[in-house]
Amino acid sequence: MIATVADIVKKAIENCKKAGDIKTEELPDIVIEKPKRDEFGDFATNAAMLLASKEEKPPRQIAELIAREIRRPSSHVKKVDVAGPGFINIFMEDGYWFGFLKDVHGLKQRYGTADIGAGAKIQIEFVSANPTGPLHIGHGRGAAVGDSLANILKATGFDVTKEYYVNDAGRQVRILGESVRRRYDEEFGGKKAPFPEDFYKGDYVKEVARDYWKKYSNTPQAVSTITFQEFACKAMLERIKKDLKDFGVEFDNWFSEKKELRDNGLVMTAINELEKKGFIFSEDDAQWFRTMQFGDDKNRVLSKADGELTYFASDVAYHREKMKRGFSTIVNVWGADHHGYEARVRASLKAFGYDDNVLKIIFIQLVTLLRNSVPVPMGKREGEFVTLRQVIDEVGKDACRFFFLMRKSDTHLEFDLELAKKQAPENPVFYVQYAYARICSIIKHAKEKGISLPKTEHINIKLLSLKEELDIIKKLALFPDIVKGSAIAMEPHRITFYLQELAALFHPYYNKNRVVTEDIQITNARLYLCEAVKIVMENGLKLLGISTPEEM
């Protein structure tokens, strides 16, 4: 939609050039915006102000020249105004908007999709929580963002791989295994062992110890062949997979640090390659990577004096391996506490000769849980915290995902549990889903009266003459641009905002106007509009991984 208007403005400027009114050869990028107020038109552009310095003319004078060309017999433009210092406001004919209504019905589930990705391979790595404990609400927000972004990118023509990086090697996994062993010894061996400060203390550790006992208490020979570390890591990973599946998130690939990087020797291969390039040096018996040479604020350790590899060493090898798989873009969805890691990971890509612009990082800010606007206290016992599972069980998957996607990822989010459960207009997810359910009810009511959904060729669209109806149609027309914009900016929350705005237009319209009336032509036109809203609602909610209940 916006691209079409941009073409109209470009053509007008080209005509001004042909007439000698504009002499600039290289035109600036044409920016088309939707004004916040209806009286400022359907679209506005500041193209004249961008040209003013090059043309050495007042921007308003240039705007009048461009507006004159747009006013010439042109498809679908009803009126053009010049406002303020040189804004060009464009009003479109109603027929232009009615065309989008037909597009919704013609494309149905494909409305809003695009091919801007042209099959480019994108990997999105998200969640990637250490398998040392349950997922918490911060992981849940990252999961909702990563999964919805994958849906949006797929819908716009990208070849997307969703990946979970499993940190199943190194110190934290050894500590998990030892934590489980000590709880096992306490409960089943009668041994009271000291429990260091950095060990995992949550109740889930005791649960894993009990599971270990159930499986191996009667087979002592098996206890010696499987370590607590391997059992505990696998047990926690299965819990994580279950929580994510119930949250509507499934990955294309689970990438094991231990099996696919360390056991296969890829970490040492990466370090050796960096050494050959001259980017490794030794100091204090440790091996260092000269990341400062590539923009990091200090050099980083890859292997310690005792020979143990750092987590960064695995990150270096992992990102090298990502690039070798042929992804044109790699997206990392990280918690806000990982800001400091960006420079060192970019340094590793540059050191291997890759353009670090292929790496896109989305930082997920913290979530504060509220109950009736009051912060929920975290567990007082050591090792306890609010888990994603607890929130899903209390408010449901749909509300959980929607609330996590209601703000831009890098802004703090307040999640009110009681609000998320309310079946009332102030609950955003209920408000959106209820709009969908209402339309299903309208269509059912019409069928009970013997009125089927009308076909495009049987509709007199001009009967949709109310301002509220045209406002809804204009909002439907915007959906493909919203989806494209979300994909390009990698911002799933734009879809959430859009659906709330669409619902906010539909509910008042429904409350004020009867859809099924005695006038069959008006009934058909309004049913046609309602069905279009239903299609777009369903397409948008599907991108967010949220269901479309027909009754509420």
Protein backbone atom coordinates (compact mmCIF):
# COMPACT_ATOMS: atom_id res chain seq x y z
CA MET A 1 0.00 0.00 0.00
CA ILE A 2 2.64 2.52 1.06
CA ALA A 3 4.86 1.40 -1.83
CA THR A 4 2.04 2.28 -4.26
CA VAL A 5 1.75 5.82 -2.86
CA ALA A 6 5.54 6.19 -2.91
CA ASP A 7 5.44 5.33 -6.64
CA ILE A 8 2.82 8.04 -7.20
CA VAL A 9 5.06 10.61 -5.48
CA LYS A 10 8.15 9.44 -7.39
CA LYS A 11 6.30 9.71 -10.69
CA ALA A 12 5.18 13.25 -9.79
CA ILE A 13 8.79 14.25 -9.03
CA GLU A 14 9.99 12.69 -12.30
CA ASN A 15 7.38 14.76 -14.15
CA CYS A 16 8.66 17.89 -12.38
CA LYS A 17 12.17 16.99 -13.58
CA LYS A 18 10.99 16.56 -17.15
CA ALA A 19 9.34 19.98 -16.95
CA GLY A 20 12.56 21.49 -15.59
CA ASP A 21 10.96 22.46 -12.27
CA ILE A 22 13.25 20.10 -10.31
CA LYS A 23 16.86 19.64 -11.33
CA THR A 24 18.23 17.23 -8.70
CA GLU A 25 19.43 14.07 -10.40
CA GLU A 26 19.64 11.71 -7.42
CA LEU A 27 16.33 11.74 -5.61
CA PRO A 28 16.20 11.11 -1.85
CA ASP A 29 14.39 8.04 -0.51
CA ILE A 30 10.69 8.81 -0.54
CA VAL A 31 9.23 8.45 2.95
CA ILE A 32 5.48 7.90 3.13
CA GLU A 33 3.74 8.05 6.49
CA LYS A 34 0.20 7.71 7.78
CA PRO A 35 -0.76 10.94 9.56
CA LYS A 36 -2.10 10.57 13.08
CA ARG A 37 -5.12 12.77 12.30
CA ASP A 38 -7.64 12.11 9.53
CA GLU A 39 -7.76 15.75 8.43
CA PHE A 40 -4.10 15.47 7.38
CA GLY A 41 -4.94 12.89 4.75
CA ASP A 42 -4.47 9.17 4.27
CA PHE A 43 -0.76 9.59 3.55
CA ALA A 44 1.85 12.31 3.94
CA THR A 45 5.39 12.83 2.66
CA ASN A 46 8.22 15.26 3.45
CA ALA A 47 9.84 14.73 0.03
CA ALA A 48 9.78 18.47 -0.70
CA MET A 49 11.74 19.27 2.46
CA LEU A 50 14.34 16.65 1.56
CA LEU A 51 14.78 18.28 -1.86
CA ALA A 52 14.80 21.90 -0.64
CA SER A 53 18.55 22.23 0.14
CA LYS A 54 19.57 20.67 -3.19
CA GLU A 55 17.12 22.74 -5.19
CA GLU A 56 17.86 25.92 -3.19
CA LYS A 57 14.15 26.70 -3.10
CA PRO A 58 11.67 26.98 -0.21
CA PRO A 59 10.28 23.50 0.55
CA ARG A 60 6.69 24.71 0.30
CA GLN A 61 7.34 25.92 -3.26
CA ILE A 62 8.71 22.48 -4.21
CA ALA A 63 5.76 20.83 -2.46
CA GLU A 64 3.31 22.85 -4.59
CA LEU A 65 5.09 21.71 -7.77
CA ILE A 66 4.95 18.04 -6.73
CA ALA A 67 1.32 18.35 -5.56
CA ARG A 68 0.37 19.85 -8.93
CA GLU A 69 1.68 16.74 -10.69
CA ILE A 70 -0.02 14.36 -8.26
CA ARG A 71 -3.33 16.21 -8.88
CA ARG A 72 -3.21 15.46 -12.59
CA PRO A 73 -5.59 12.63 -13.58
CA SER A 74 -4.18 9.86 -11.48
CA SER A 75 -5.59 6.57 -10.31
CA HIS A 76 -7.28 6.68 -6.93
CA VAL A 77 -6.02 10.10 -5.69
CA LYS A 78 -8.96 12.21 -4.52
CA LYS A 79 -7.22 15.29 -3.13
CA VAL A 80 -3.73 16.66 -2.41
CA ASP A 81 -2.93 19.42 0.09
CA VAL A 82 0.29 21.20 0.98
CA ALA A 83 0.58 21.89 4.70
CA GLY A 84 2.96 23.60 7.10
CA PRO A 85 6.54 24.09 5.89
CA GLY A 86 6.07 21.71 2.95
CA PHE A 87 4.30 18.49 3.87
CA ILE A 88 2.28 16.92 1.07
CA ASN A 89 -0.94 15.35 2.32
CA ILE A 90 -2.62 12.84 0.01
CA PHE A 91 -6.25 11.72 0.22
CA MET A 92 -7.27 8.55 -1.63
CA GLU A 93 -10.61 7.76 -3.25
CA ASP A 94 -12.89 5.26 -1.54
CA GLY A 95 -12.49 2.88 -4.49
CA TYR A 96 -8.80 2.58 -3.71
CA TRP A 97 -9.59 1.24 -0.25
CA PHE A 98 -12.37 -1.06 -1.44
CA GLY A 99 -9.78 -2.80 -3.61
CA PHE A 100 -7.94 -3.92 -0.48
CA LEU A 101 -11.14 -5.42 0.92
CA LYS A 102 -11.37 -7.56 -2.22
CA ASP A 103 -7.69 -8.51 -1.78
CA VAL A 104 -8.38 -9.84 1.72
CA HIS A 105 -11.15 -12.08 0.41
CA GLY A 106 -9.15 -13.16 -2.62
CA LEU A 107 -5.97 -14.04 -0.74
CA LYS A 108 -7.50 -15.21 2.56
CA GLN A 109 -4.72 -16.94 4.59
CA ARG A 110 -2.11 -15.53 2.21
CA TYR A 111 -3.16 -11.92 2.88
CA GLY A 112 -0.24 -10.24 4.62
CA THR A 113 2.37 -12.63 3.23
CA ALA A 114 5.15 -11.39 0.94
CA ASP A 115 8.36 -12.50 -0.75
CA ILE A 116 10.76 -9.82 0.42
CA GLY A 117 13.02 -12.58 1.79
CA ALA A 118 13.31 -14.29 -1.59
CA GLY A 119 14.30 -17.54 0.13
CA ALA A 120 17.28 -16.11 2.03
CA LYS A 121 18.42 -18.41 4.83
CA ILE A 122 18.02 -16.99 8.33
CA GLN A 123 18.85 -18.73 11.58
CA ILE A 124 17.16 -17.55 14.77
CA GLU A 125 18.77 -18.83 17.94
CA PHE A 126 16.66 -18.10 21.00
CA VAL A 127 15.97 -19.17 24.58
CA SER A 128 19.18 -21.30 24.77
CA ALA A 129 18.86 -21.41 28.56
CA ASN A 130 21.44 -23.49 30.38
CA PRO A 131 19.88 -26.91 31.18
CA THR A 132 20.58 -26.34 34.86
CA GLY A 133 17.11 -25.28 35.95
CA PRO A 134 13.53 -24.58 34.80
CA LEU A 135 12.75 -21.77 32.36
CA HIS A 136 11.88 -18.50 34.06
CA ILE A 137 9.64 -15.69 32.79
CA GLY A 138 12.57 -13.91 31.11
CA HIS A 139 13.16 -17.02 29.01
CA GLY A 140 9.43 -17.01 28.22
CA ARG A 141 9.59 -13.52 26.80
CA GLY A 142 12.56 -14.49 24.65
CA ALA A 143 10.71 -17.59 23.48
CA ALA A 144 7.63 -15.58 22.46
CA VAL A 145 9.74 -13.02 20.60
CA GLY A 146 11.94 -15.57 18.82
CA ASP A 147 9.10 -17.87 17.79
CA SER A 148 6.82 -15.06 16.58
CA LEU A 149 9.69 -13.45 14.67
CA ALA A 150 10.33 -16.80 12.95
CA ASN A 151 6.66 -16.94 11.91
CA ILE A 152 6.79 -13.39 10.55
CA LEU A 153 10.00 -13.99 8.61
CA LYS A 154 8.60 -17.20 7.11
CA ALA A 155 5.45 -15.33 6.08
CA THR A 156 7.60 -12.77 4.24
CA GLY A 157 9.60 -15.25 2.20
CA PHE A 158 12.62 -16.13 4.35
CA ASP A 159 13.92 -19.67 4.84
CA VAL A 160 14.02 -19.79 8.64
CA THR A 161 15.75 -22.24 10.99
CA LYS A 162 14.86 -22.04 14.69
CA GLU A 163 17.71 -23.26 16.88
CA TYR A 164 18.27 -23.85 20.59
CA TYR A 165 21.93 -23.88 21.67
CA VAL A 166 22.30 -26.39 24.51
CA ASN A 167 25.07 -25.43 26.95
CA ASP A 168 25.66 -29.03 28.05
CA ALA A 169 29.41 -28.74 28.62
CA GLY A 170 31.56 -26.94 31.12
CA ARG A 171 31.48 -25.92 34.72
CA GLN A 172 27.76 -25.18 35.20
CA VAL A 173 26.74 -28.68 34.04
CA ARG A 174 29.33 -30.28 36.36
CA ILE A 175 27.92 -28.24 39.24
CA LEU A 176 24.38 -29.37 38.33
CA GLY A 177 25.49 -33.01 38.39
CA GLU A 178 27.24 -32.60 41.73
CA SER A 179 24.22 -30.73 43.16
CA VAL A 180 21.96 -33.64 42.23
CA ARG A 181 24.47 -36.15 43.61
CA ARG A 182 24.59 -34.42 47.00
CA ARG A 183 20.80 -34.21 47.23
CA TYR A 184 20.67 -37.90 46.28
CA ASP A 185 23.19 -38.76 48.99
CA GLU A 186 21.22 -36.74 51.55
CA GLU A 187 17.86 -38.35 50.81
CA PHE A 188 18.82 -41.90 49.88
CA GLY A 189 22.33 -42.41 51.24
CA GLY A 190 22.04 -40.84 54.66
CA LYS A 191 25.04 -38.59 53.93
CA LYS A 192 24.91 -34.97 54.95
CA ALA A 193 27.40 -33.29 52.61
CA PRO A 194 28.24 -29.56 52.55
CA PHE A 195 26.35 -27.63 49.88
CA PRO A 196 28.55 -24.85 48.42
CA GLU A 197 27.12 -21.40 47.73
CA ASP A 198 27.35 -21.74 43.95
CA PHE A 199 25.50 -25.10 43.81
CA TYR A 200 21.91 -25.28 42.52
CA LYS A 201 19.51 -25.22 45.45
CA GLY A 202 16.01 -25.22 43.95
CA ASP A 203 13.48 -27.96 44.71
CA TYR A 204 13.86 -29.16 41.14
CA VAL A 205 17.33 -30.50 42.08
CA LYS A 206 15.72 -32.75 44.70
CA GLU A 207 13.12 -33.86 42.14
CA VAL A 208 15.85 -34.88 39.68
CA ALA A 209 17.64 -36.76 42.47
CA ARG A 210 14.42 -38.67 43.23
CA ASP A 211 13.96 -39.46 39.52
CA TYR A 212 17.52 -40.78 39.43
CA TRP A 213 16.81 -43.03 42.40
CA LYS A 214 13.58 -44.35 40.83
CA LYS A 215 15.41 -45.28 37.66
CA TYR A 216 18.62 -46.75 39.06
CA SER A 217 18.03 -47.84 42.68
CA ASN A 218 17.40 -51.47 41.67
CA THR A 219 20.19 -51.63 39.06
CA PRO A 220 23.44 -50.79 40.85
CA GLN A 221 25.53 -51.72 37.82
CA ALA A 222 23.79 -48.98 35.80
CA VAL A 223 24.64 -46.35 38.40
CA SER A 224 28.30 -46.74 37.61
CA THR A 225 27.78 -46.32 33.85
CA ILE A 226 25.80 -43.13 33.84
CA THR A 227 26.86 -39.99 35.62
CA PHE A 228 24.65 -37.74 37.67
CA GLN A 229 25.76 -34.94 35.34
CA GLU A 230 24.47 -36.63 32.18
CA PHE A 231 21.23 -37.72 33.84
CA ALA A 232 20.55 -34.31 35.39
CA CYS A 233 21.32 -32.42 32.18
CA LYS A 234 19.06 -34.70 30.13
CA ALA A 235 16.27 -34.52 32.72
CA MET A 236 16.32 -30.70 32.80
CA LEU A 237 16.43 -30.51 29.02
CA GLU A 238 13.33 -32.71 28.76
CA ARG A 239 11.53 -30.38 31.17
CA ILE A 240 12.56 -27.38 29.12
CA LYS A 241 11.33 -29.04 25.91
CA LYS A 242 7.98 -29.86 27.54
CA ASP A 243 7.51 -26.30 28.81
CA LEU A 244 8.36 -24.84 25.41
CA LYS A 245 6.05 -27.23 23.56
CA ASP A 246 3.18 -26.30 25.87
CA PHE A 247 4.07 -22.66 25.15
CA GLY A 248 3.68 -23.34 21.42
CA VAL A 249 7.41 -23.30 20.66
CA GLU A 250 9.18 -26.11 18.82
CA PHE A 251 12.70 -25.89 17.42
CA ASP A 252 14.05 -27.13 14.11
CA ASN A 253 17.39 -27.92 15.71
CA TRP A 254 18.78 -28.54 19.19
CA PHE A 255 22.51 -27.85 18.93
CA SER A 256 24.60 -29.55 21.64
CA GLU A 257 27.75 -27.74 22.72
CA LYS A 258 29.24 -30.98 24.05
CA LYS A 259 28.44 -33.30 21.13
CA GLU A 260 28.63 -30.93 18.17
CA LEU A 261 31.38 -28.53 19.24
CA ARG A 262 33.61 -30.08 21.88
CA ASP A 263 33.45 -33.80 21.10
CA ASN A 264 33.84 -33.07 17.38
CA GLY A 265 36.89 -30.90 18.03
CA LEU A 266 35.32 -27.79 16.47
CA VAL A 267 36.37 -25.55 19.37
CA MET A 268 40.03 -26.44 19.01
CA THR A 269 39.74 -26.20 15.22
CA ALA A 270 38.46 -22.64 15.58
CA ILE A 271 41.21 -21.70 18.05
CA ASN A 272 43.89 -23.20 15.81
CA GLU A 273 42.58 -21.21 12.86
CA LEU A 274 42.72 -18.00 14.87
CA GLU A 275 46.24 -18.88 15.98
CA LYS A 276 47.36 -19.34 12.36
CA LYS A 277 45.94 -15.89 11.60
CA GLY A 278 48.00 -14.41 14.44
CA PHE A 279 45.06 -13.50 16.68
CA ILE A 280 46.05 -15.67 19.66
CA PHE A 281 48.65 -14.93 22.36
CA SER A 282 49.62 -16.51 25.67
CA GLU A 283 49.81 -14.72 29.00
CA ASP A 284 49.83 -16.13 32.56
CA ASP A 285 49.59 -19.64 31.06
CA ALA A 286 46.21 -18.74 29.50
CA GLN A 287 45.32 -18.46 25.83
CA TRP A 288 43.95 -15.08 24.76
CA PHE A 289 42.08 -13.88 21.66
CA ARG A 290 43.03 -10.39 20.39
CA THR A 291 39.42 -9.20 20.20
CA MET A 292 40.49 -5.58 20.79
CA GLN A 293 41.91 -5.69 17.28
CA PHE A 294 38.30 -5.97 16.07
CA GLY A 295 36.60 -3.37 18.24
CA ASP A 296 36.16 -5.12 21.61
CA ASP A 297 37.03 -3.14 24.74
CA LYS A 298 39.51 -5.79 25.95
CA ASN A 299 41.04 -9.08 24.84
CA ARG A 300 39.30 -12.30 25.88
CA VAL A 301 40.47 -15.59 27.37
CA LEU A 302 39.77 -18.75 25.35
CA SER A 303 41.46 -21.32 27.61
CA LYS A 304 42.47 -20.86 31.24
CA ALA A 305 45.79 -21.71 32.91
CA ASP A 306 44.42 -25.11 33.93
CA GLY A 307 43.53 -25.86 30.31
CA GLU A 308 39.75 -25.48 30.78
CA LEU A 309 38.00 -23.84 27.84
CA THR A 310 35.91 -20.72 28.49
CA TYR A 311 32.31 -20.35 27.38
CA PHE A 312 33.51 -17.73 24.93
CA ALA A 313 35.71 -20.33 23.23
CA SER A 314 32.57 -22.33 22.45
CA ASP A 315 30.76 -19.16 21.30
CA VAL A 316 33.60 -18.48 18.85
CA ALA A 317 33.37 -21.98 17.40
CA TYR A 318 29.54 -21.91 17.37
CA HIS A 319 29.29 -18.69 15.39
CA ARG A 320 31.97 -19.88 12.97
CA GLU A 321 29.92 -23.06 12.49
CA LYS A 322 26.73 -21.03 11.94
CA MET A 323 28.35 -19.16 9.09
CA LYS A 324 29.67 -22.37 7.53
CA ARG A 325 26.06 -23.58 7.32
CA GLY A 326 25.37 -20.83 4.80
CA PHE A 327 23.00 -18.52 6.66
CA SER A 328 22.77 -15.04 5.15
CA THR A 329 21.62 -13.67 8.51
CA ILE A 330 22.04 -15.06 12.01
CA VAL A 331 19.78 -13.69 14.73
CA ASN A 332 20.60 -14.07 18.41
CA VAL A 333 17.81 -13.38 20.91
CA TRP A 334 19.64 -12.63 24.17
CA GLY A 335 18.76 -11.46 27.64
CA ALA A 336 19.64 -7.87 28.47
CA ASP A 337 22.47 -9.12 30.71
CA HIS A 338 24.34 -10.24 27.56
CA HIS A 339 24.94 -6.72 26.20
CA GLY A 340 28.64 -7.07 26.95
CA TYR A 341 28.94 -10.17 24.75
CA GLU A 342 28.01 -8.46 21.51
CA ALA A 343 31.39 -6.87 20.78
CA ARG A 344 33.37 -10.06 21.42
CA VAL A 345 31.09 -12.21 19.22
CA ARG A 346 31.28 -9.64 16.42
CA ALA A 347 35.06 -9.66 16.85
CA SER A 348 35.13 -13.43 16.32
CA LEU A 349 33.15 -13.16 13.08
CA LYS A 350 35.47 -10.45 11.77
CA ALA A 351 38.54 -12.48 12.70
CA PHE A 352 37.31 -15.37 10.56
CA GLY A 353 36.78 -12.96 7.65
CA TYR A 354 33.00 -12.62 7.85
CA ASP A 355 30.99 -9.41 7.64
CA ASP A 356 29.63 -9.00 11.16
CA ASN A 357 26.56 -7.22 9.75
CA VAL A 358 25.12 -10.71 9.15
CA LEU A 359 24.66 -10.88 12.94
CA LYS A 360 21.50 -9.31 14.34
CA ILE A 361 21.03 -9.27 18.09
CA ILE A 362 17.69 -8.74 19.81
CA PHE A 363 18.02 -7.95 23.49
CA ILE A 364 15.16 -8.98 25.78
CA GLN A 365 14.60 -6.73 28.77
CA LEU A 366 13.42 -7.88 32.17
CA VAL A 367 9.85 -8.83 33.06
CA THR A 368 8.23 -7.74 36.31
CA LEU A 369 5.29 -9.85 37.44
CA LEU A 370 2.38 -7.95 38.97
CA ARG A 371 -0.84 -9.02 40.61
CA ASN A 372 -3.49 -6.30 40.47
CA SER A 373 -0.70 -3.80 39.71
CA VAL A 374 1.33 -4.87 42.79
CA PRO A 375 4.72 -6.55 42.22
CA VAL A 376 4.71 -10.30 42.91
CA PRO A 377 7.40 -11.22 45.46
CA MET A 378 9.87 -13.79 44.26
CA GLY A 379 10.35 -17.01 46.23
CA LYS A 380 12.17 -16.40 49.51
CA ARG A 381 13.94 -19.74 49.57
CA GLU A 382 17.31 -19.98 47.89
CA GLY A 383 17.19 -21.17 44.30
CA GLU A 384 13.47 -20.39 43.90
CA PHE A 385 12.01 -18.11 41.24
CA VAL A 386 8.83 -17.72 39.20
CA THR A 387 8.96 -20.20 36.35
CA LEU A 388 7.47 -19.97 32.88
CA ARG A 389 5.49 -23.12 33.69
CA GLN A 390 3.81 -21.41 36.66
CA VAL A 391 2.73 -18.46 34.52
CA ILE A 392 1.44 -20.68 31.69
CA ASP A 393 -0.53 -22.77 34.17
CA GLU A 394 -2.08 -19.66 35.74
CA VAL A 395 -2.98 -17.50 32.74
CA GLY A 396 -2.75 -19.85 29.74
CA LYS A 397 -0.49 -19.95 26.71
CA ASP A 398 -2.33 -17.32 24.66
CA ALA A 399 -2.37 -14.61 27.32
CA CYS A 400 1.22 -15.43 28.23
CA ARG A 401 2.49 -15.04 24.65
CA PHE A 402 0.39 -11.93 23.94
CA PHE A 403 1.53 -10.13 27.09
CA PHE A 404 5.18 -10.94 26.37
CA LEU A 405 4.73 -9.36 22.92
CA MET A 406 2.96 -6.18 24.03
CA ARG A 407 6.10 -4.08 24.30
CA LYS A 408 9.24 -3.60 22.26
CA SER A 409 11.76 -6.29 23.24
CA ASP A 410 14.38 -3.90 24.61
CA THR A 411 11.94 -2.16 26.98
CA HIS A 412 11.02 -3.32 30.46
CA LEU A 413 7.73 -5.26 30.63
CA GLU A 414 5.20 -5.35 33.45
CA PHE A 415 3.03 -8.48 33.31
CA ASP A 416 -0.13 -8.31 35.46
CA LEU A 417 -1.31 -11.85 36.16
CA GLU A 418 -4.82 -10.88 37.24
CA LEU A 419 -5.32 -8.66 34.20
CA ALA A 420 -4.17 -11.50 31.92
CA LYS A 421 -6.91 -13.75 33.34
CA LYS A 422 -9.76 -11.23 33.10
CA GLN A 423 -12.47 -11.74 30.52
CA ALA A 424 -12.96 -8.01 30.09
CA PRO A 425 -12.08 -5.31 27.53
CA GLU A 426 -9.15 -4.07 29.61
CA ASN A 427 -7.40 -7.41 29.00
CA PRO A 428 -5.71 -6.88 25.60
CA VAL A 429 -5.60 -10.52 24.50
CA PHE A 430 -9.25 -11.05 25.47
CA TYR A 431 -10.19 -7.85 23.62
CA VAL A 432 -8.55 -9.09 20.41
CA GLN A 433 -9.75 -12.69 20.62
CA TYR A 434 -13.27 -11.53 21.53
CA ALA A 435 -13.42 -9.48 18.31
CA TYR A 436 -12.69 -12.69 16.39
CA ALA A 437 -15.24 -14.68 18.40
CA ARG A 438 -17.87 -11.97 17.88
CA ILE A 439 -17.48 -12.20 14.12
CA CYS A 440 -17.82 -15.99 14.29
CA SER A 441 -21.05 -15.44 16.24
CA ILE A 442 -22.35 -12.95 13.65
CA ILE A 443 -21.65 -15.37 10.79
CA LYS A 444 -23.33 -18.21 12.71
CA HIS A 445 -26.37 -16.00 13.38
CA ALA A 446 -26.58 -15.10 9.68
CA LYS A 447 -26.44 -18.78 8.66
CA GLU A 448 -29.23 -19.56 11.11
CA LYS A 449 -31.31 -17.00 9.22
CA GLY A 450 -30.41 -18.65 5.93
CA ILE A 451 -27.83 -16.03 4.90
CA SER A 452 -24.55 -17.43 3.64
CA LEU A 453 -21.30 -15.51 3.38
CA PRO A 454 -21.54 -13.48 0.17
CA LYS A 455 -19.09 -13.69 -2.70
CA THR A 456 -17.20 -10.65 -3.98
CA GLU A 457 -19.17 -10.46 -7.22
CA HIS A 458 -22.45 -10.24 -5.27
CA ILE A 459 -21.40 -7.33 -3.07
CA ASN A 460 -22.25 -3.65 -3.48
CA ILE A 461 -19.16 -2.41 -1.64
CA LYS A 462 -20.28 1.22 -1.94
CA LEU A 463 -22.90 0.48 0.70
CA LEU A 464 -20.05 0.42 3.21
CA SER A 465 -20.32 4.20 3.40
CA LEU A 466 -20.06 4.79 7.15
CA LYS A 467 -16.88 6.44 8.40
CA GLU A 468 -16.38 3.55 10.85
CA GLU A 469 -16.56 1.07 7.97
CA LEU A 470 -14.01 2.96 5.89
CA ASP A 471 -11.73 3.27 8.92
CA ILE A 472 -11.83 -0.52 9.38
CA ILE A 473 -11.09 -1.08 5.68
CA LYS A 474 -8.14 1.31 5.83
CA LYS A 475 -6.77 -0.59 8.83
CA LEU A 476 -7.15 -3.92 6.98
CA ALA A 477 -5.29 -2.42 4.02
CA LEU A 478 -2.37 -1.61 6.31
CA PHE A 479 -1.81 -5.22 7.46
CA PRO A 480 0.65 -6.31 4.71
CA ASP A 481 2.81 -3.24 5.40
CA ILE A 482 2.73 -3.98 9.13
CA VAL A 483 3.91 -7.54 8.53
CA LYS A 484 6.70 -6.41 6.17
CA GLY A 485 7.78 -3.72 8.61
CA SER A 486 7.83 -6.24 11.46
CA ALA A 487 10.04 -8.56 9.41
CA ILE A 488 12.47 -5.86 8.31
CA ALA A 489 12.79 -4.30 11.79
CA MET A 490 12.56 -7.73 13.51
CA GLU A 491 9.88 -6.38 15.85
CA PRO A 492 6.99 -8.80 16.48
CA HIS A 493 5.28 -6.37 18.85
CA ARG A 494 4.11 -4.37 15.82
CA ILE A 495 1.62 -7.15 15.04
CA THR A 496 0.33 -7.06 18.63
CA PHE A 497 -0.18 -3.29 18.45
CA TYR A 498 -1.93 -3.61 15.10
CA LEU A 499 -4.39 -6.28 16.30
CA GLN A 500 -5.33 -4.17 19.32
CA GLU A 501 -5.97 -1.20 17.06
CA LEU A 502 -8.09 -3.28 14.67
CA ALA A 503 -10.13 -4.67 17.58
CA ALA A 504 -10.57 -1.13 18.91
CA LEU A 505 -12.15 -0.15 15.57
CA PHE A 506 -14.35 -3.24 15.26
CA HIS A 507 -15.93 -3.43 18.74
CA PRO A 508 -17.50 0.10 18.66
CA TYR A 509 -18.68 -0.52 15.10
CA TYR A 510 -20.36 -3.77 16.18
CA ASN A 511 -21.94 -2.13 19.24
CA LYS A 512 -23.37 0.72 17.15
CA ASN A 513 -24.43 -1.03 13.93
CA ARG A 514 -26.42 -4.18 13.27
CA VAL A 515 -24.76 -6.46 10.72
CA VAL A 516 -27.67 -8.79 9.96
CA THR A 517 -30.57 -6.47 9.05
CA GLU A 518 -33.77 -6.58 7.04
CA ASP A 519 -31.88 -5.05 4.11
CA ILE A 520 -30.15 -8.02 2.46
CA GLN A 521 -27.75 -5.83 0.43
CA ILE A 522 -26.50 -3.97 3.51
CA THR A 523 -26.35 -7.29 5.39
CA ASN A 524 -24.22 -8.84 2.67
CA ALA A 525 -21.87 -5.83 2.53
CA ARG A 526 -21.39 -5.82 6.30
CA LEU A 527 -20.92 -9.60 6.45
CA TYR A 528 -18.28 -9.17 3.73
CA LEU A 529 -16.50 -6.57 5.89
CA CYS A 530 -16.75 -8.71 9.04
CA GLU A 531 -15.36 -11.76 7.27
CA ALA A 532 -12.39 -9.66 6.09
CA VAL A 533 -11.71 -8.57 9.68
CA LYS A 534 -11.92 -12.22 10.75
CA ILE A 535 -9.38 -13.28 8.10
CA VAL A 536 -6.89 -10.59 9.09
CA MET A 537 -7.38 -11.25 12.81
CA GLU A 538 -6.69 -14.94 12.24
CA ASN A 539 -3.62 -14.24 10.10
CA GLY A 540 -2.21 -11.84 12.68
CA LEU A 541 -2.84 -14.07 15.68
CA LYS A 542 -1.32 -17.01 13.84
CA LEU A 543 1.91 -15.03 13.38
CA LEU A 544 1.99 -14.49 17.14
CA GLY A 545 1.31 -18.18 17.85
CA ILE A 546 -2.03 -17.36 19.49
CA SER A 547 -5.28 -19.28 19.00
CA THR A 548 -8.52 -18.00 17.50
CA PRO A 549 -11.41 -19.21 19.70
CA GLU A 550 -14.82 -19.09 17.99
CA GLU A 551 -16.65 -18.80 21.31
CA MET A 552 -15.68 -16.95 24.49
